[in-house]
Protein backbone atom coordinates (compact mmCIF):
# COMPACT_ATOMS: atom_id res chain seq x y z
CA MET A 1 49.99 27.76 64.86
CA MET A 2 46.57 29.67 65.57
CA ASN A 3 44.30 31.69 63.52
CA ILE A 4 44.03 34.94 65.42
CA GLY A 5 41.96 38.38 64.78
CA ILE A 6 42.97 41.47 66.17
CA LEU A 7 40.20 44.43 66.77
CA GLY A 8 42.68 47.45 66.97
CA ALA A 9 45.75 48.60 65.60
CA GLY A 10 46.84 50.96 68.07
CA MET A 11 50.18 50.66 70.20
CA ILE A 12 49.12 47.32 71.97
CA GLY A 13 47.21 45.94 68.94
CA LYS A 14 50.23 46.77 66.65
CA GLN A 15 52.94 45.02 68.68
CA LEU A 16 50.71 41.89 69.20
CA ALA A 17 50.25 41.74 65.33
CA LEU A 18 53.95 42.29 64.98
CA LYS A 19 54.85 39.43 67.53
CA LEU A 20 52.28 36.81 67.20
CA ALA A 21 52.86 36.91 63.13
CA ALA A 22 56.73 36.49 63.83
CA ALA A 23 55.95 33.39 66.08
CA GLY A 24 53.94 31.71 63.18
CA HIS A 25 50.37 32.37 63.88
CA ASP A 26 48.02 33.46 61.26
CA VAL A 27 47.30 36.93 62.16
CA ALA A 28 44.62 39.22 60.87
CA ILE A 29 44.32 42.85 62.27
CA ALA A 30 41.62 45.41 61.64
CA ASN A 31 40.98 49.06 62.63
CA THR A 32 37.95 51.34 62.62
CA ARG A 33 38.98 53.31 59.24
CA GLY A 34 39.31 50.16 57.11
CA PRO A 35 42.20 47.88 55.96
CA GLU A 36 43.53 50.29 53.28
CA THR A 37 44.72 52.71 56.31
CA ILE A 38 46.89 50.02 57.95
CA GLY A 39 50.66 50.88 57.17
CA GLN A 40 52.94 48.20 55.93
CA ASP A 41 54.94 48.61 58.99
CA LEU A 42 52.31 46.76 61.25
CA LEU A 43 52.19 44.04 58.65
CA ALA A 44 55.85 43.63 58.17
CA THR A 45 56.13 40.20 60.16
CA GLY A 46 53.05 38.43 58.02
CA ALA A 47 49.87 39.80 59.42
CA LYS A 48 47.20 40.67 57.24
CA ALA A 49 45.08 44.01 57.14
CA VAL A 50 41.25 42.94 56.95
CA THR A 51 37.84 44.50 58.00
CA ALA A 52 36.54 44.42 61.24
CA LYS A 53 33.77 41.48 60.60
CA GLN A 54 36.80 39.58 58.84
CA ALA A 55 38.85 39.80 62.04
CA VAL A 56 36.22 38.00 64.16
CA SER A 57 35.01 35.36 61.50
CA SER A 58 36.34 32.02 61.36
CA ARG A 59 39.10 32.72 64.11
CA GLU A 60 40.38 30.75 66.84
CA VAL A 61 41.27 33.67 69.10
CA VAL A 62 40.15 37.53 69.09
CA ILE A 63 42.09 39.88 70.69
CA VAL A 64 40.18 43.08 71.61
CA SER A 65 42.68 45.94 71.80
CA ILE A 66 40.57 49.05 71.58
CA PRO A 67 39.75 51.90 74.20
CA LEU A 68 37.37 50.57 76.78
CA GLU A 69 34.61 52.97 76.11
CA ARG A 70 34.21 51.93 72.38
CA ILE A 71 33.72 48.24 73.44
CA PRO A 72 30.11 48.24 73.44
CA ASP A 73 30.33 49.13 69.79
CA LEU A 74 31.76 45.55 69.06
CA ALA A 75 28.87 43.68 70.37
CA PRO A 76 27.05 43.00 67.00
CA LEU A 77 30.09 41.70 65.49
CA PHE A 78 30.38 38.93 68.16
CA SER A 79 26.66 38.00 67.73
CA GLY A 80 27.29 34.91 65.63
CA VAL A 81 30.78 33.92 66.96
CA SER A 82 31.24 30.59 68.55
CA ASP A 83 31.48 30.26 72.53
CA GLU A 84 34.49 28.22 71.53
CA VAL A 85 36.67 31.35 70.55
CA VAL A 86 38.98 32.44 72.95
CA VAL A 87 38.28 36.53 73.36
CA ILE A 88 41.21 38.29 74.96
CA ASP A 89 40.80 41.69 76.59
CA THR A 90 43.71 44.10 76.67
CA SER A 91 41.81 47.33 77.70
CA ASN A 92 42.15 49.61 80.77
CA TYR A 93 39.90 52.21 82.55
CA TRP A 94 41.06 55.76 82.60
CA PRO A 95 38.17 57.89 83.38
CA TYR A 96 40.49 61.13 82.74
CA ARG A 97 40.77 60.03 79.32
CA THR A 98 37.76 58.04 78.09
CA GLY A 99 35.00 59.50 80.57
CA ILE A 100 33.39 57.93 83.55
CA ILE A 101 31.66 54.59 83.28
CA LYS A 102 29.36 54.31 86.29
CA ALA A 103 29.45 50.62 86.76
CA ILE A 104 33.16 50.57 87.08
CA GLU A 105 33.25 53.50 89.40
CA ALA A 106 30.71 51.48 91.52
CA GLY A 107 33.05 48.81 91.63
CA GLN A 108 32.62 46.56 88.82
CA VAL A 109 35.69 44.93 87.60
CA GLU A 110 37.06 46.11 83.95
CA SER A 111 36.78 43.05 82.35
CA GLU A 112 33.51 41.94 84.02
CA TRP A 113 32.04 44.98 82.30
CA VAL A 114 33.64 43.99 78.97
CA GLU A 115 32.05 40.66 79.21
CA GLU A 116 28.58 42.38 79.79
CA GLN A 117 29.06 44.52 76.77
CA LEU A 118 30.17 41.73 74.41
CA GLY A 119 27.51 39.28 75.80
CA ARG A 120 30.35 36.56 76.15
CA ARG A 121 33.15 35.75 78.55
CA VAL A 122 36.82 37.01 77.90
CA ALA A 123 40.21 36.66 79.20
CA LYS A 124 42.42 39.31 80.35
CA ALA A 125 46.11 39.76 78.99
CA TRP A 126 48.60 42.42 77.98
CA ASN A 127 46.87 45.07 79.79
CA ALA A 128 49.37 45.46 82.51
CA ILE A 129 52.49 46.17 80.26
CA MET A 130 53.51 49.24 78.41
CA PHE A 131 53.62 49.05 74.80
CA SER A 132 57.48 50.26 74.62
CA SER A 133 58.09 47.25 77.07
CA LEU A 134 56.15 44.94 74.94
CA GLU A 135 57.76 46.17 71.99
CA ASN A 136 61.37 46.17 73.34
CA LYS A 137 61.61 43.89 76.30
CA GLY A 138 60.70 40.45 75.21
CA ARG A 139 63.19 37.69 75.90
CA PRO A 140 63.72 34.03 75.36
CA VAL A 141 62.05 31.34 77.51
CA GLY A 142 64.75 31.04 80.50
CA ALA A 143 66.27 34.21 80.07
CA PRO A 144 67.20 35.87 83.95
CA ASP A 145 65.56 39.21 83.01
CA ARG A 146 62.46 37.81 81.13
CA LEU A 147 59.67 39.97 82.35
CA ALA A 148 56.04 38.47 83.35
CA ILE A 149 52.47 39.28 82.17
CA PRO A 150 49.32 38.18 84.27
CA VAL A 151 46.60 36.42 82.83
CA ALA A 152 43.28 36.16 84.05
CA ALA A 153 40.15 33.86 82.79
CA ASP A 154 37.38 31.75 84.06
CA VAL A 155 37.74 28.94 81.44
CA GLU A 156 40.72 26.73 81.67
CA TYR A 157 40.92 26.40 77.94
CA ASP A 158 40.76 30.24 77.64
CA ARG A 159 43.46 30.94 80.50
CA ARG A 160 45.84 28.04 78.45
CA ILE A 161 45.48 29.63 75.23
CA ALA A 162 46.10 33.39 76.30
CA MET A 163 48.98 32.14 78.51
CA SER A 164 50.66 30.35 75.66
CA LEU A 165 50.17 33.53 73.26
CA VAL A 166 51.69 35.64 75.98
CA GLU A 167 54.74 33.34 75.90
CA ASP A 168 55.01 33.66 72.13
CA THR A 169 55.18 37.42 72.67
CA GLY A 170 58.45 36.92 74.65
CA PHE A 171 57.35 37.17 78.32
CA ASP A 172 56.25 34.62 81.02
CA ALA A 173 52.76 34.16 81.50
CA VAL A 174 51.30 34.21 85.04
CA ASP A 175 48.11 32.62 86.06
CA ALA A 176 46.22 35.74 87.76
CA GLY A 177 43.06 33.76 88.46
CA THR A 178 39.48 34.33 87.52
CA ILE A 179 38.08 37.51 85.78
CA ALA A 180 36.72 38.71 89.08
CA ASP A 181 40.30 38.53 90.33
CA SER A 182 41.43 40.61 87.43
CA TRP A 183 41.33 43.83 89.41
CA ARG A 184 44.66 42.88 90.73
CA GLN A 185 46.13 43.69 87.20
CA GLN A 186 44.30 46.90 86.72
CA PRO A 187 45.65 50.61 86.66
CA ALA A 188 47.67 51.32 89.61
CA ALA A 189 47.88 47.98 91.04
CA PRO A 190 51.35 46.74 92.04
CA ALA A 191 51.45 44.43 89.16
CA TYR A 192 50.38 47.03 86.65
CA CYS A 193 53.14 48.29 84.03
CA THR A 194 55.97 47.75 86.64
CA ASP A 195 57.70 45.34 84.55
CA LEU A 196 58.42 42.52 86.91
CA THR A 197 59.88 38.98 86.53
CA ARG A 198 57.62 35.85 87.38
CA ASP A 199 59.03 35.76 90.92
CA ASP A 200 58.25 39.35 91.53
CA LEU A 201 54.84 39.56 89.81
CA ILE A 202 53.19 36.81 91.86
CA PRO A 203 53.56 38.44 95.04
CA ALA A 204 52.52 41.76 93.62
CA LEU A 205 49.24 40.55 92.33
CA GLN A 206 48.55 39.23 95.94
CA ALA A 207 49.62 42.59 97.46
CA ALA A 208 46.95 44.68 95.56
CA GLU A 209 44.70 46.50 97.69
CA ARG A 210 41.47 47.02 95.63
CA ALA A 211 40.53 50.17 97.73
CA ARG A 212 43.40 52.16 97.01
CA LEU A 213 43.25 51.55 93.41
CA PRO A 214 41.23 54.65 92.37
CA ILE A 215 43.45 56.81 94.52
CA ARG A 216 46.85 55.56 93.05
CA ARG A 217 45.26 55.76 89.60
CA GLU A 218 44.58 59.39 90.29
CA LEU A 219 47.75 60.23 91.49
CA PHE A 220 49.58 58.44 88.28
CA TRP A 221 47.42 60.27 85.88
CA ALA A 222 47.97 63.81 87.67
CA VAL A 223 51.85 63.49 87.60
CA MET A 224 51.79 62.39 84.03
CA GLN A 225 49.32 65.15 83.16
CA GLU A 226 51.37 67.72 85.01
CA ARG A 227 54.32 66.49 82.80
CA ALA A 228 52.69 66.72 79.72
CA ASP A 229 51.39 70.36 80.54
CA SER A 230 54.90 71.34 81.56
CA LYS A 231 56.09 69.95 78.26
CA ILE A 232 58.89 67.78 80.14
CA PRO A 233 60.18 65.03 78.02
CA ILE A 234 58.91 61.73 79.17
CA ASP A 235 61.44 58.79 78.40
CA PRO A 236 59.67 55.49 77.82
CA ASP A 237 60.39 54.17 81.09
CA TYR A 238 58.84 57.15 83.09
CA PRO A 239 55.52 55.47 83.56
CA ILE A 240 57.09 52.36 84.89
CA ARG A 241 59.23 54.12 87.34
CA LEU A 242 56.09 56.21 88.33
CA SER A 243 53.89 53.01 88.78
CA ARG A 244 56.41 51.62 91.13
CA LEU A 245 56.85 54.80 93.03
CA ILE A 246 52.96 55.22 93.80
CA GLN A 247 52.92 51.60 95.37
CA MET A 248 55.58 52.90 98.00
């Protein structure tokens, strides 16, 4: 059992709170509006609602699951947090939704930018899976249809902890290399939100072409926006099918 704090009670943060608490971990979750605004459905498996400060205090692991552009606001929370605490970043860069971040546009890897904002190292996990897949597609170890999630980290201890927690959420964890390599699991990469098994995810990570990611990301967003503007119903697996299609 690990003592885990989660910053962010959105779609991914909620599922992580539910799944990690159900797996036996001591989980505390915080949002920006205060613990009294966190619904009981999110706490159904045993997670506790706390303040943001409490979510990072005396934890072994802190999972950051908020929009990327708001991450700089978290820096004061981490100023006194031990370097031994594993911090896991689940965020993604979508400039059409969150605004332009010049350093990332210039080529900086997303989680390297997160490290600069927080002033500490991070691991990257759960960013490359749709929340609906995280919610509904976890499977027991050894199941033939068990999906895989990439994990990047620079420190072996961080990698081991993050991969273990990914396994606890019902997915195979795949070592995706260092944070400098984590562009291979960023939006529009072959490993991003394509719901692959371990055997398929490993070559997908290697097949990524960094120069093509912004183009494919723009294409993905344009199609999703067009469907939204047209009020065409989008089923939960549509983004997964689209993510696969733009790799062709």
